[in-house]
Amino acid sequence: ARAGATIKMMIPANPGGGWDGTGRAFGAALI
């Protein structure tokens, strides 16, 4: 119910791996 929410996404891995790819794809899906 809150407008303009900013999600803080912790990705517990360095860039370029599975968690990173999944996390960023899911972040884009939230938007």
mmCIF file of all heavy atoms, coordinates in Angstrom:
data_MODEL
# 
_entry.id   MODEL 
# 
loop_
_atom_site.group_PDB 
_atom_site.id 
_atom_site.type_symbol 
_atom_site.label_atom_id 
_atom_site.label_alt_id 
_atom_site.label_comp_id 
_atom_site.label_asym_id 
_atom_site.label_entity_id 
_atom_site.label_seq_id 
_atom_site.pdbx_PDB_ins_code 
_atom_site.Cartn_x 
_atom_site.Cartn_y 
_atom_site.Cartn_z 
_atom_site.occupancy 
_atom_site.B_iso_or_equiv 
_atom_site.pdbx_formal_charge 
_atom_site.auth_seq_id 
_atom_site.auth_comp_id 
_atom_site.auth_asym_id 
_atom_site.auth_atom_id 
_atom_site.pdbx_PDB_model_num 
ATOM 1   N N   . ALA A 1 1  ? 0.817  -1.211  0.000   1.00 0.00 ? 1  ALA A N   1 
ATOM 2   C CA  . ALA A 1 1  ? 0.000  0.000   0.000   1.00 0.00 ? 1  ALA A CA  1 
ATOM 3   C C   . ALA A 1 1  ? 0.847  1.255   0.000   1.00 0.00 ? 1  ALA A C   1 
ATOM 4   O O   . ALA A 1 1  ? 0.335  2.347   0.075   1.00 0.00 ? 1  ALA A O   1 
ATOM 5   C CB  . ALA A 1 1  ? -0.916 -0.003  1.226   1.00 0.00 ? 1  ALA A CB  1 
ATOM 6   N N   . ARG A 1 2  ? 2.165  1.104   -0.054  1.00 0.00 ? 2  ARG A N   1 
ATOM 7   C CA  . ARG A 1 2  ? 3.060  2.244   0.052   1.00 0.00 ? 2  ARG A CA  1 
ATOM 8   C C   . ARG A 1 2  ? 3.598  2.628   -1.309  1.00 0.00 ? 2  ARG A C   1 
ATOM 9   O O   . ARG A 1 2  ? 4.054  1.769   -2.064  1.00 0.00 ? 2  ARG A O   1 
ATOM 10  C CB  . ARG A 1 2  ? 4.225  1.885   0.983   1.00 0.00 ? 2  ARG A CB  1 
ATOM 11  C CG  . ARG A 1 2  ? 4.994  3.081   1.511   1.00 0.00 ? 2  ARG A CG  1 
ATOM 12  C CD  . ARG A 1 2  ? 6.183  2.636   2.313   1.00 0.00 ? 2  ARG A CD  1 
ATOM 13  N NE  . ARG A 1 2  ? 5.805  1.650   3.307   1.00 0.00 ? 2  ARG A NE  1 
ATOM 14  C CZ  . ARG A 1 2  ? 6.688  0.923   3.965   1.00 0.00 ? 2  ARG A CZ  1 
ATOM 15  N NH1 . ARG A 1 2  ? 7.968  1.061   3.723   1.00 0.00 ? 2  ARG A NH1 1 
ATOM 16  N NH2 . ARG A 1 2  ? 6.287  0.053   4.864   1.00 0.00 ? 2  ARG A NH2 1 
ATOM 17  N N   . ALA A 1 3  ? 3.524  3.902   -1.653  1.00 0.00 ? 3  ALA A N   1 
ATOM 18  C CA  . ALA A 1 3  ? 4.003  4.353   -2.957  1.00 0.00 ? 3  ALA A CA  1 
ATOM 19  C C   . ALA A 1 3  ? 5.512  4.572   -2.920  1.00 0.00 ? 3  ALA A C   1 
ATOM 20  O O   . ALA A 1 3  ? 6.065  5.002   -1.918  1.00 0.00 ? 3  ALA A O   1 
ATOM 21  C CB  . ALA A 1 3  ? 3.291  5.633   -3.348  1.00 0.00 ? 3  ALA A CB  1 
ATOM 22  N N   . GLY A 1 4  ? 6.164  4.284   -4.055  1.00 0.00 ? 4  GLY A N   1 
ATOM 23  C CA  . GLY A 1 4  ? 7.575  4.617   -4.205  1.00 0.00 ? 4  GLY A CA  1 
ATOM 24  C C   . GLY A 1 4  ? 8.523  3.818   -3.349  1.00 0.00 ? 4  GLY A C   1 
ATOM 25  O O   . GLY A 1 4  ? 9.550  4.328   -2.934  1.00 0.00 ? 4  GLY A O   1 
ATOM 26  N N   . ALA A 1 5  ? 8.216  2.552   -3.061  1.00 0.00 ? 5  ALA A N   1 
ATOM 27  C CA  . ALA A 1 5  ? 9.096  1.731   -2.236  1.00 0.00 ? 5  ALA A CA  1 
ATOM 28  C C   . ALA A 1 5  ? 10.404 1.450   -2.965  1.00 0.00 ? 5  ALA A C   1 
ATOM 29  O O   . ALA A 1 5  ? 10.420 1.152   -4.157  1.00 0.00 ? 5  ALA A O   1 
ATOM 30  C CB  . ALA A 1 5  ? 8.402  0.415   -1.882  1.00 0.00 ? 5  ALA A CB  1 
ATOM 31  N N   . THR A 1 6  ? 11.521 1.558   -2.253  1.00 0.00 ? 6  THR A N   1 
ATOM 32  C CA  . THR A 1 6  ? 12.826 1.181   -2.771  1.00 0.00 ? 6  THR A CA  1 
ATOM 33  C C   . THR A 1 6  ? 13.278 -0.069  -2.037  1.00 0.00 ? 6  THR A C   1 
ATOM 34  O O   . THR A 1 6  ? 13.422 -0.060  -0.815  1.00 0.00 ? 6  THR A O   1 
ATOM 35  C CB  . THR A 1 6  ? 13.861 2.304   -2.569  1.00 0.00 ? 6  THR A CB  1 
ATOM 36  O OG1 . THR A 1 6  ? 13.472 3.443   -3.334  1.00 0.00 ? 6  THR A OG1 1 
ATOM 37  C CG2 . THR A 1 6  ? 15.246 1.848   -3.008  1.00 0.00 ? 6  THR A CG2 1 
ATOM 38  N N   . ILE A 1 7  ? 13.471 -1.144  -2.770  1.00 0.00 ? 7  ILE A N   1 
ATOM 39  C CA  . ILE A 1 7  ? 13.896 -2.409  -2.181  1.00 0.00 ? 7  ILE A CA  1 
ATOM 40  C C   . ILE A 1 7  ? 15.414 -2.458  -2.115  1.00 0.00 ? 7  ILE A C   1 
ATOM 41  O O   . ILE A 1 7  ? 16.098 -2.124  -3.092  1.00 0.00 ? 7  ILE A O   1 
ATOM 42  C CB  . ILE A 1 7  ? 13.365 -3.601  -3.006  1.00 0.00 ? 7  ILE A CB  1 
ATOM 43  C CG1 . ILE A 1 7  ? 11.835 -3.629  -2.980  1.00 0.00 ? 7  ILE A CG1 1 
ATOM 44  C CG2 . ILE A 1 7  ? 13.926 -4.919  -2.482  1.00 0.00 ? 7  ILE A CG2 1 
ATOM 45  C CD1 . ILE A 1 7  ? 11.236 -3.815  -1.604  1.00 0.00 ? 7  ILE A CD1 1 
ATOM 46  N N   . LYS A 1 8  ? 15.939 -2.865  -0.965  1.00 0.00 ? 8  LYS A N   1 
ATOM 47  C CA  . LYS A 1 8  ? 17.381 -3.061  -0.812  1.00 0.00 ? 8  LYS A CA  1 
ATOM 48  C C   . LYS A 1 8  ? 17.662 -4.556  -0.918  1.00 0.00 ? 8  LYS A C   1 
ATOM 49  O O   . LYS A 1 8  ? 17.263 -5.325  -0.046  1.00 0.00 ? 8  LYS A O   1 
ATOM 50  C CB  . LYS A 1 8  ? 17.843 -2.500  0.530   1.00 0.00 ? 8  LYS A CB  1 
ATOM 51  C CG  . LYS A 1 8  ? 17.855 -0.974  0.554   1.00 0.00 ? 8  LYS A CG  1 
ATOM 52  C CD  . LYS A 1 8  ? 17.911 -0.404  1.962   1.00 0.00 ? 8  LYS A CD  1 
ATOM 53  C CE  . LYS A 1 8  ? 16.519 -0.303  2.549   1.00 0.00 ? 8  LYS A CE  1 
ATOM 54  N NZ  . LYS A 1 8  ? 16.473 0.368   3.861   1.00 0.00 ? 8  LYS A NZ  1 
ATOM 55  N N   . MET A 1 9  ? 18.315 -4.952  -2.004  1.00 0.00 ? 9  MET A N   1 
ATOM 56  C CA  . MET A 1 9  ? 18.534 -6.364  -2.303  1.00 0.00 ? 9  MET A CA  1 
ATOM 57  C C   . MET A 1 9  ? 19.973 -6.777  -1.997  1.00 0.00 ? 9  MET A C   1 
ATOM 58  O O   . MET A 1 9  ? 20.914 -6.330  -2.660  1.00 0.00 ? 9  MET A O   1 
ATOM 59  C CB  . MET A 1 9  ? 18.236 -6.629  -3.786  1.00 0.00 ? 9  MET A CB  1 
ATOM 60  C CG  . MET A 1 9  ? 18.405 -8.075  -4.214  1.00 0.00 ? 9  MET A CG  1 
ATOM 61  S SD  . MET A 1 9  ? 17.040 -9.131  -3.681  1.00 0.00 ? 9  MET A SD  1 
ATOM 62  C CE  . MET A 1 9  ? 15.746 -8.569  -4.820  1.00 0.00 ? 9  MET A CE  1 
ATOM 63  N N   . MET A 1 10 ? 20.142 -7.621  -0.980  1.00 0.00 ? 10 MET A N   1 
ATOM 64  C CA  . MET A 1 10 ? 21.451 -8.187  -0.685  1.00 0.00 ? 10 MET A CA  1 
ATOM 65  C C   . MET A 1 10 ? 21.677 -9.392  -1.587  1.00 0.00 ? 10 MET A C   1 
ATOM 66  O O   . MET A 1 10 ? 20.875 -10.331 -1.615  1.00 0.00 ? 10 MET A O   1 
ATOM 67  C CB  . MET A 1 10 ? 21.533 -8.616  0.785   1.00 0.00 ? 10 MET A CB  1 
ATOM 68  C CG  . MET A 1 10 ? 22.697 -9.545  1.111   1.00 0.00 ? 10 MET A CG  1 
ATOM 69  S SD  . MET A 1 10 ? 24.333 -8.864  0.735   1.00 0.00 ? 10 MET A SD  1 
ATOM 70  C CE  . MET A 1 10 ? 24.472 -7.634  2.050   1.00 0.00 ? 10 MET A CE  1 
ATOM 71  N N   . ILE A 1 11 ? 22.761 -9.352  -2.341  1.00 0.00 ? 11 ILE A N   1 
ATOM 72  C CA  . ILE A 1 11 ? 23.174 -10.496 -3.162  1.00 0.00 ? 11 ILE A CA  1 
ATOM 73  C C   . ILE A 1 11 ? 24.467 -11.031 -2.548  1.00 0.00 ? 11 ILE A C   1 
ATOM 74  O O   . ILE A 1 11 ? 25.526 -10.404 -2.686  1.00 0.00 ? 11 ILE A O   1 
ATOM 75  C CB  . ILE A 1 11 ? 23.390 -10.080 -4.629  1.00 0.00 ? 11 ILE A CB  1 
ATOM 76  C CG1 . ILE A 1 11 ? 22.087 -9.512  -5.207  1.00 0.00 ? 11 ILE A CG1 1 
ATOM 77  C CG2 . ILE A 1 11 ? 23.879 -11.270 -5.445  1.00 0.00 ? 11 ILE A CG2 1 
ATOM 78  C CD1 . ILE A 1 11 ? 22.218 -8.973  -6.617  1.00 0.00 ? 11 ILE A CD1 1 
ATOM 79  N N   . PRO A 1 12 ? 24.416 -12.170 -1.845  1.00 0.00 ? 12 PRO A N   1 
ATOM 80  C CA  . PRO A 1 12 ? 25.573 -12.638 -1.076  1.00 0.00 ? 12 PRO A CA  1 
ATOM 81  C C   . PRO A 1 12 ? 26.621 -13.351 -1.927  1.00 0.00 ? 12 PRO A C   1 
ATOM 82  O O   . PRO A 1 12 ? 27.115 -14.431 -1.579  1.00 0.00 ? 12 PRO A O   1 
ATOM 83  C CB  . PRO A 1 12 ? 24.934 -13.569 -0.047  1.00 0.00 ? 12 PRO A CB  1 
ATOM 84  C CG  . PRO A 1 12 ? 23.760 -14.136 -0.768  1.00 0.00 ? 12 PRO A CG  1 
ATOM 85  C CD  . PRO A 1 12 ? 23.251 -13.037 -1.656  1.00 0.00 ? 12 PRO A CD  1 
ATOM 86  N N   . ALA A 1 13 ? 26.963 -12.748 -3.049  1.00 0.00 ? 13 ALA A N   1 
ATOM 87  C CA  . ALA A 1 13 ? 27.966 -13.286 -3.969  1.00 0.00 ? 13 ALA A CA  1 
ATOM 88  C C   . ALA A 1 13 ? 28.517 -12.143 -4.800  1.00 0.00 ? 13 ALA A C   1 
ATOM 89  O O   . ALA A 1 13 ? 27.892 -11.087 -4.898  1.00 0.00 ? 13 ALA A O   1 
ATOM 90  C CB  . ALA A 1 13 ? 27.345 -14.347 -4.882  1.00 0.00 ? 13 ALA A CB  1 
ATOM 91  N N   . ASN A 1 14 ? 29.670 -12.364 -5.405  1.00 0.00 ? 14 ASN A N   1 
ATOM 92  C CA  . ASN A 1 14 ? 30.250 -11.356 -6.282  1.00 0.00 ? 14 ASN A CA  1 
ATOM 93  C C   . ASN A 1 14 ? 29.448 -11.266 -7.580  1.00 0.00 ? 14 ASN A C   1 
ATOM 94  O O   . ASN A 1 14 ? 28.696 -12.184 -7.926  1.00 0.00 ? 14 ASN A O   1 
ATOM 95  C CB  . ASN A 1 14 ? 31.707 -11.711 -6.591  1.00 0.00 ? 14 ASN A CB  1 
ATOM 96  C CG  . ASN A 1 14 ? 32.623 -11.473 -5.396  1.00 0.00 ? 14 ASN A CG  1 
ATOM 97  O OD1 . ASN A 1 14 ? 32.185 -10.941 -4.374  1.00 0.00 ? 14 ASN A OD1 1 
ATOM 98  N ND2 . ASN A 1 14 ? 33.866 -11.880 -5.504  1.00 0.00 ? 14 ASN A ND2 1 
ATOM 99  N N   . PRO A 1 15 ? 29.590 -10.175 -8.324  1.00 0.00 ? 15 PRO A N   1 
ATOM 100 C CA  . PRO A 1 15 ? 28.865 -10.039 -9.591  1.00 0.00 ? 15 PRO A CA  1 
ATOM 101 C C   . PRO A 1 15 ? 29.206 -11.149 -10.576 1.00 0.00 ? 15 PRO A C   1 
ATOM 102 O O   . PRO A 1 15 ? 30.311 -11.684 -10.573 1.00 0.00 ? 15 PRO A O   1 
ATOM 103 C CB  . PRO A 1 15 ? 29.346 -8.682  -10.116 1.00 0.00 ? 15 PRO A CB  1 
ATOM 104 C CG  . PRO A 1 15 ? 29.771 -7.929  -8.891  1.00 0.00 ? 15 PRO A CG  1 
ATOM 105 C CD  . PRO A 1 15 ? 30.362 -8.959  -7.977  1.00 0.00 ? 15 PRO A CD  1 
ATOM 106 N N   . GLY A 1 16 ? 28.222 -11.490 -11.405 1.00 0.00 ? 16 GLY A N   1 
ATOM 107 C CA  . GLY A 1 16 ? 28.476 -12.413 -12.499 1.00 0.00 ? 16 GLY A CA  1 
ATOM 108 C C   . GLY A 1 16 ? 28.018 -13.834 -12.303 1.00 0.00 ? 16 GLY A C   1 
ATOM 109 O O   . GLY A 1 16 ? 28.089 -14.648 -13.216 1.00 0.00 ? 16 GLY A O   1 
ATOM 110 N N   . GLY A 1 17 ? 27.530 -14.181 -11.117 1.00 0.00 ? 17 GLY A N   1 
ATOM 111 C CA  . GLY A 1 17 ? 27.128 -15.554 -10.848 1.00 0.00 ? 17 GLY A CA  1 
ATOM 112 C C   . GLY A 1 17 ? 25.627 -15.744 -10.840 1.00 0.00 ? 17 GLY A C   1 
ATOM 113 O O   . GLY A 1 17 ? 24.856 -14.865 -11.229 1.00 0.00 ? 17 GLY A O   1 
ATOM 114 N N   . GLY A 1 18 ? 25.211 -16.927 -10.373 1.00 0.00 ? 18 GLY A N   1 
ATOM 115 C CA  . GLY A 1 18 ? 23.802 -17.278 -10.371 1.00 0.00 ? 18 GLY A CA  1 
ATOM 116 C C   . GLY A 1 18 ? 22.953 -16.417 -9.468  1.00 0.00 ? 18 GLY A C   1 
ATOM 117 O O   . GLY A 1 18 ? 21.867 -15.968 -9.854  1.00 0.00 ? 18 GLY A O   1 
ATOM 118 N N   . TRP A 1 19 ? 23.416 -16.189 -8.241  1.00 0.00 ? 19 TRP A N   1 
ATOM 119 C CA  . TRP A 1 19 ? 22.662 -15.336 -7.326  1.00 0.00 ? 19 TRP A CA  1 
ATOM 120 C C   . TRP A 1 19 ? 22.560 -13.919 -7.873  1.00 0.00 ? 19 TRP A C   1 
ATOM 121 O O   . TRP A 1 19 ? 21.522 -13.270 -7.769  1.00 0.00 ? 19 TRP A O   1 
ATOM 122 C CB  . TRP A 1 19 ? 23.328 -15.294 -5.954  1.00 0.00 ? 19 TRP A CB  1 
ATOM 123 C CG  . TRP A 1 19 ? 22.860 -16.379 -5.034  1.00 0.00 ? 19 TRP A CG  1 
ATOM 124 C CD1 . TRP A 1 19 ? 21.686 -17.068 -5.094  1.00 0.00 ? 19 TRP A CD1 1 
ATOM 125 C CD2 . TRP A 1 19 ? 23.574 -16.913 -3.913  1.00 0.00 ? 19 TRP A CD2 1 
ATOM 126 N NE1 . TRP A 1 19 ? 21.610 -17.982 -4.076  1.00 0.00 ? 19 TRP A NE1 1 
ATOM 127 C CE2 . TRP A 1 19 ? 22.755 -17.906 -3.341  1.00 0.00 ? 19 TRP A CE2 1 
ATOM 128 C CE3 . TRP A 1 19 ? 24.807 -16.635 -3.335  1.00 0.00 ? 19 TRP A CE3 1 
ATOM 129 C CZ2 . TRP A 1 19 ? 23.137 -18.634 -2.210  1.00 0.00 ? 19 TRP A CZ2 1 
ATOM 130 C CZ3 . TRP A 1 19 ? 25.189 -17.363 -2.223  1.00 0.00 ? 19 TRP A CZ3 1 
ATOM 131 C CH2 . TRP A 1 19 ? 24.361 -18.344 -1.667  1.00 0.00 ? 19 TRP A CH2 1 
ATOM 132 N N   . ASP A 1 20 ? 23.652 -13.434 -8.444  1.00 0.00 ? 20 ASP A N   1 
ATOM 133 C CA  . ASP A 1 20 ? 23.667 -12.080 -8.982  1.00 0.00 ? 20 ASP A CA  1 
ATOM 134 C C   . ASP A 1 20 ? 22.672 -11.958 -10.141 1.00 0.00 ? 20 ASP A C   1 
ATOM 135 O O   . ASP A 1 20 ? 21.861 -11.024 -10.185 1.00 0.00 ? 20 ASP A O   1 
ATOM 136 C CB  . ASP A 1 20 ? 25.076 -11.725 -9.451  1.00 0.00 ? 20 ASP A CB  1 
ATOM 137 C CG  . ASP A 1 20 ? 25.201 -10.263 -9.867  1.00 0.00 ? 20 ASP A CG  1 
ATOM 138 O OD1 . ASP A 1 20 ? 24.907 -9.389  -9.035  1.00 0.00 ? 20 ASP A OD1 1 
ATOM 139 O OD2 . ASP A 1 20 ? 25.587 -10.013 -11.020 1.00 0.00 ? 20 ASP A OD2 1 
ATOM 140 N N   . GLY A 1 21 ? 22.730 -12.921 -11.057 1.00 0.00 ? 21 GLY A N   1 
ATOM 141 C CA  . GLY A 1 21 ? 21.815 -12.890 -12.191 1.00 0.00 ? 21 GLY A CA  1 
ATOM 142 C C   . GLY A 1 21 ? 20.365 -13.006 -11.774 1.00 0.00 ? 21 GLY A C   1 
ATOM 143 O O   . GLY A 1 21 ? 19.490 -12.281 -12.271 1.00 0.00 ? 21 GLY A O   1 
ATOM 144 N N   . THR A 1 22 ? 20.097 -13.909 -10.829 1.00 0.00 ? 22 THR A N   1 
ATOM 145 C CA  . THR A 1 22 ? 18.728 -14.095 -10.358 1.00 0.00 ? 22 THR A CA  1 
ATOM 146 C C   . THR A 1 22 ? 18.245 -12.869 -9.605  1.00 0.00 ? 22 THR A C   1 
ATOM 147 O O   . THR A 1 22 ? 17.115 -12.403 -9.797  1.00 0.00 ? 22 THR A O   1 
ATOM 148 C CB  . THR A 1 22 ? 18.621 -15.341 -9.451  1.00 0.00 ? 22 THR A CB  1 
ATOM 149 O OG1 . THR A 1 22 ? 19.193 -16.470 -10.116 1.00 0.00 ? 22 THR A OG1 1 
ATOM 150 C CG2 . THR A 1 22 ? 17.175 -15.645 -9.119  1.00 0.00 ? 22 THR A CG2 1 
ATOM 151 N N   . GLY A 1 23 ? 19.098 -12.331 -8.741  1.00 0.00 ? 23 GLY A N   1 
ATOM 152 C CA  . GLY A 1 23 ? 18.715 -11.173 -7.936  1.00 0.00 ? 23 GLY A CA  1 
ATOM 153 C C   . GLY A 1 23 ? 18.402 -9.961  -8.780  1.00 0.00 ? 23 GLY A C   1 
ATOM 154 O O   . GLY A 1 23 ? 17.409 -9.252  -8.547  1.00 0.00 ? 23 GLY A O   1 
ATOM 155 N N   . ARG A 1 24 ? 19.217 -9.700  -9.784  1.00 0.00 ? 24 ARG A N   1 
ATOM 156 C CA  . ARG A 1 24 ? 18.996 -8.525  -10.631 1.00 0.00 ? 24 ARG A CA  1 
ATOM 157 C C   . ARG A 1 24 ? 17.791 -8.727  -11.559 1.00 0.00 ? 24 ARG A C   1 
ATOM 158 O O   . ARG A 1 24 ? 17.043 -7.779  -11.818 1.00 0.00 ? 24 ARG A O   1 
ATOM 159 C CB  . ARG A 1 24 ? 20.265 -8.190  -11.410 1.00 0.00 ? 24 ARG A CB  1 
ATOM 160 C CG  . ARG A 1 24 ? 21.361 -7.670  -10.477 1.00 0.00 ? 24 ARG A CG  1 
ATOM 161 C CD  . ARG A 1 24 ? 22.692 -7.430  -11.169 1.00 0.00 ? 24 ARG A CD  1 
ATOM 162 N NE  . ARG A 1 24 ? 23.707 -7.125  -10.167 1.00 0.00 ? 24 ARG A NE  1 
ATOM 163 C CZ  . ARG A 1 24 ? 23.955 -5.900  -9.677  1.00 0.00 ? 24 ARG A CZ  1 
ATOM 164 N NH1 . ARG A 1 24 ? 23.259 -4.872  -10.127 1.00 0.00 ? 24 ARG A NH1 1 
ATOM 165 N NH2 . ARG A 1 24 ? 24.882 -5.723  -8.755  1.00 0.00 ? 24 ARG A NH2 1 
ATOM 166 N N   . ALA A 1 25 ? 17.591 -9.949  -12.027 1.00 0.00 ? 25 ALA A N   1 
ATOM 167 C CA  . ALA A 1 25 ? 16.402 -10.225 -12.840 1.00 0.00 ? 25 ALA A CA  1 
ATOM 168 C C   . ALA A 1 25 ? 15.140 -10.079 -12.001 1.00 0.00 ? 25 ALA A C   1 
ATOM 169 O O   . ALA A 1 25 ? 14.128 -9.531  -12.459 1.00 0.00 ? 25 ALA A O   1 
ATOM 170 C CB  . ALA A 1 25 ? 16.479 -11.635 -13.426 1.00 0.00 ? 25 ALA A CB  1 
ATOM 171 N N   . PHE A 1 26 ? 15.218 -10.531 -10.743 1.00 0.00 ? 26 PHE A N   1 
ATOM 172 C CA  . PHE A 1 26 ? 14.036 -10.423 -9.885  1.00 0.00 ? 26 PHE A CA  1 
ATOM 173 C C   . PHE A 1 26 ? 13.783 -8.980  -9.473  1.00 0.00 ? 26 PHE A C   1 
ATOM 174 O O   . PHE A 1 26 ? 12.630 -8.548  -9.362  1.00 0.00 ? 26 PHE A O   1 
ATOM 175 C CB  . PHE A 1 26 ? 14.180 -11.307 -8.644  1.00 0.00 ? 26 PHE A CB  1 
ATOM 176 C CG  . PHE A 1 26 ? 12.882 -11.462 -7.905  1.00 0.00 ? 26 PHE A CG  1 
ATOM 177 C CD1 . PHE A 1 26 ? 11.820 -12.139 -8.480  1.00 0.00 ? 26 PHE A CD1 1 
ATOM 178 C CD2 . PHE A 1 26 ? 12.706 -10.895 -6.655  1.00 0.00 ? 26 PHE A CD2 1 
ATOM 179 C CE1 . PHE A 1 26 ? 10.606 -12.265 -7.823  1.00 0.00 ? 26 PHE A CE1 1 
ATOM 180 C CE2 . PHE A 1 26 ? 11.501 -11.016 -5.983  1.00 0.00 ? 26 PHE A CE2 1 
ATOM 181 C CZ  . PHE A 1 26 ? 10.444 -11.706 -6.572  1.00 0.00 ? 26 PHE A CZ  1 
ATOM 182 N N   . GLY A 1 27 ? 14.848 -8.216  -9.279  1.00 0.00 ? 27 GLY A N   1 
ATOM 183 C CA  . GLY A 1 27 ? 14.686 -6.798  -8.987  1.00 0.00 ? 27 GLY A CA  1 
ATOM 184 C C   . GLY A 1 27 ? 13.977 -6.086  -10.127 1.00 0.00 ? 27 GLY A C   1 
ATOM 185 O O   . GLY A 1 27 ? 13.069 -5.267  -9.911  1.00 0.00 ? 27 GLY A O   1 
ATOM 186 N N   . ALA A 1 28 ? 14.380 -6.413  -11.363 1.00 0.00 ? 28 ALA A N   1 
ATOM 187 C CA  . ALA A 1 28 ? 13.720 -5.824  -12.533 1.00 0.00 ? 28 ALA A CA  1 
ATOM 188 C C   . ALA A 1 28 ? 12.255 -6.242  -12.596 1.00 0.00 ? 28 ALA A C   1 
ATOM 189 O O   . ALA A 1 28 ? 11.386 -5.459  -12.998 1.00 0.00 ? 28 ALA A O   1 
ATOM 190 C CB  . ALA A 1 28 ? 14.448 -6.251  -13.802 1.00 0.00 ? 28 ALA A CB  1 
ATOM 191 N N   . ALA A 1 29 ? 11.962 -7.476  -12.162 1.00 0.00 ? 29 ALA A N   1 
ATOM 192 C CA  . ALA A 1 29 ? 10.576 -7.961  -12.154 1.00 0.00 ? 29 ALA A CA  1 
ATOM 193 C C   . ALA A 1 29 ? 9.736  -7.225  -11.120 1.00 0.00 ? 29 ALA A C   1 
ATOM 194 O O   . ALA A 1 29 ? 8.552  -6.945  -11.352 1.00 0.00 ? 29 ALA A O   1 
ATOM 195 C CB  . ALA A 1 29 ? 10.559 -9.465  -11.877 1.00 0.00 ? 29 ALA A CB  1 
ATOM 196 N N   . LEU A 1 30 ? 10.314 -6.898  -9.971  1.00 0.00 ? 30 LEU A N   1 
ATOM 197 C CA  . LEU A 1 30 ? 9.595  -6.134  -8.951  1.00 0.00 ? 30 LEU A CA  1 
ATOM 198 C C   . LEU A 1 30 ? 9.177  -4.768  -9.503  1.00 0.00 ? 30 LEU A C   1 
ATOM 199 O O   . LEU A 1 30 ? 8.057  -4.301  -9.256  1.00 0.00 ? 30 LEU A O   1 
ATOM 200 C CB  . LEU A 1 30 ? 10.474 -5.947  -7.710  1.00 0.00 ? 30 LEU A CB  1 
ATOM 201 C CG  . LEU A 1 30 ? 10.753 -7.190  -6.859  1.00 0.00 ? 30 LEU A CG  1 
ATOM 202 C CD1 . LEU A 1 30 ? 11.886 -6.911  -5.865  1.00 0.00 ? 30 LEU A CD1 1 
ATOM 203 C CD2 . LEU A 1 30 ? 9.500  -7.636  -6.103  1.00 0.00 ? 30 LEU A CD2 1 
ATOM 204 N N   . ILE A 1 31 ? 10.075 -4.152  -10.246 1.00 0.00 ? 31 ILE A N   1 
ATOM 205 C CA  . ILE A 1 31 ? 9.764  -2.848  -10.840 1.00 0.00 ? 31 ILE A CA  1 
ATOM 206 C C   . ILE A 1 31 ? 8.725  -3.005  -11.954 1.00 0.00 ? 31 ILE A C   1 
ATOM 207 O O   . ILE A 1 31 ? 7.767  -2.236  -12.049 1.00 0.00 ? 31 ILE A O   1 
ATOM 208 C CB  . ILE A 1 31 ? 11.045 -2.187  -11.377 1.00 0.00 ? 31 ILE A CB  1 
ATOM 209 C CG1 . ILE A 1 31 ? 11.998 -1.871  -10.209 1.00 0.00 ? 31 ILE A CG1 1 
ATOM 210 C CG2 . ILE A 1 31 ? 10.719 -0.917  -12.164 1.00 0.00 ? 31 ILE A CG2 1 
ATOM 211 C CD1 . ILE A 1 31 ? 13.386 -1.420  -10.634 1.00 0.00 ? 31 ILE A CD1 1 
# 
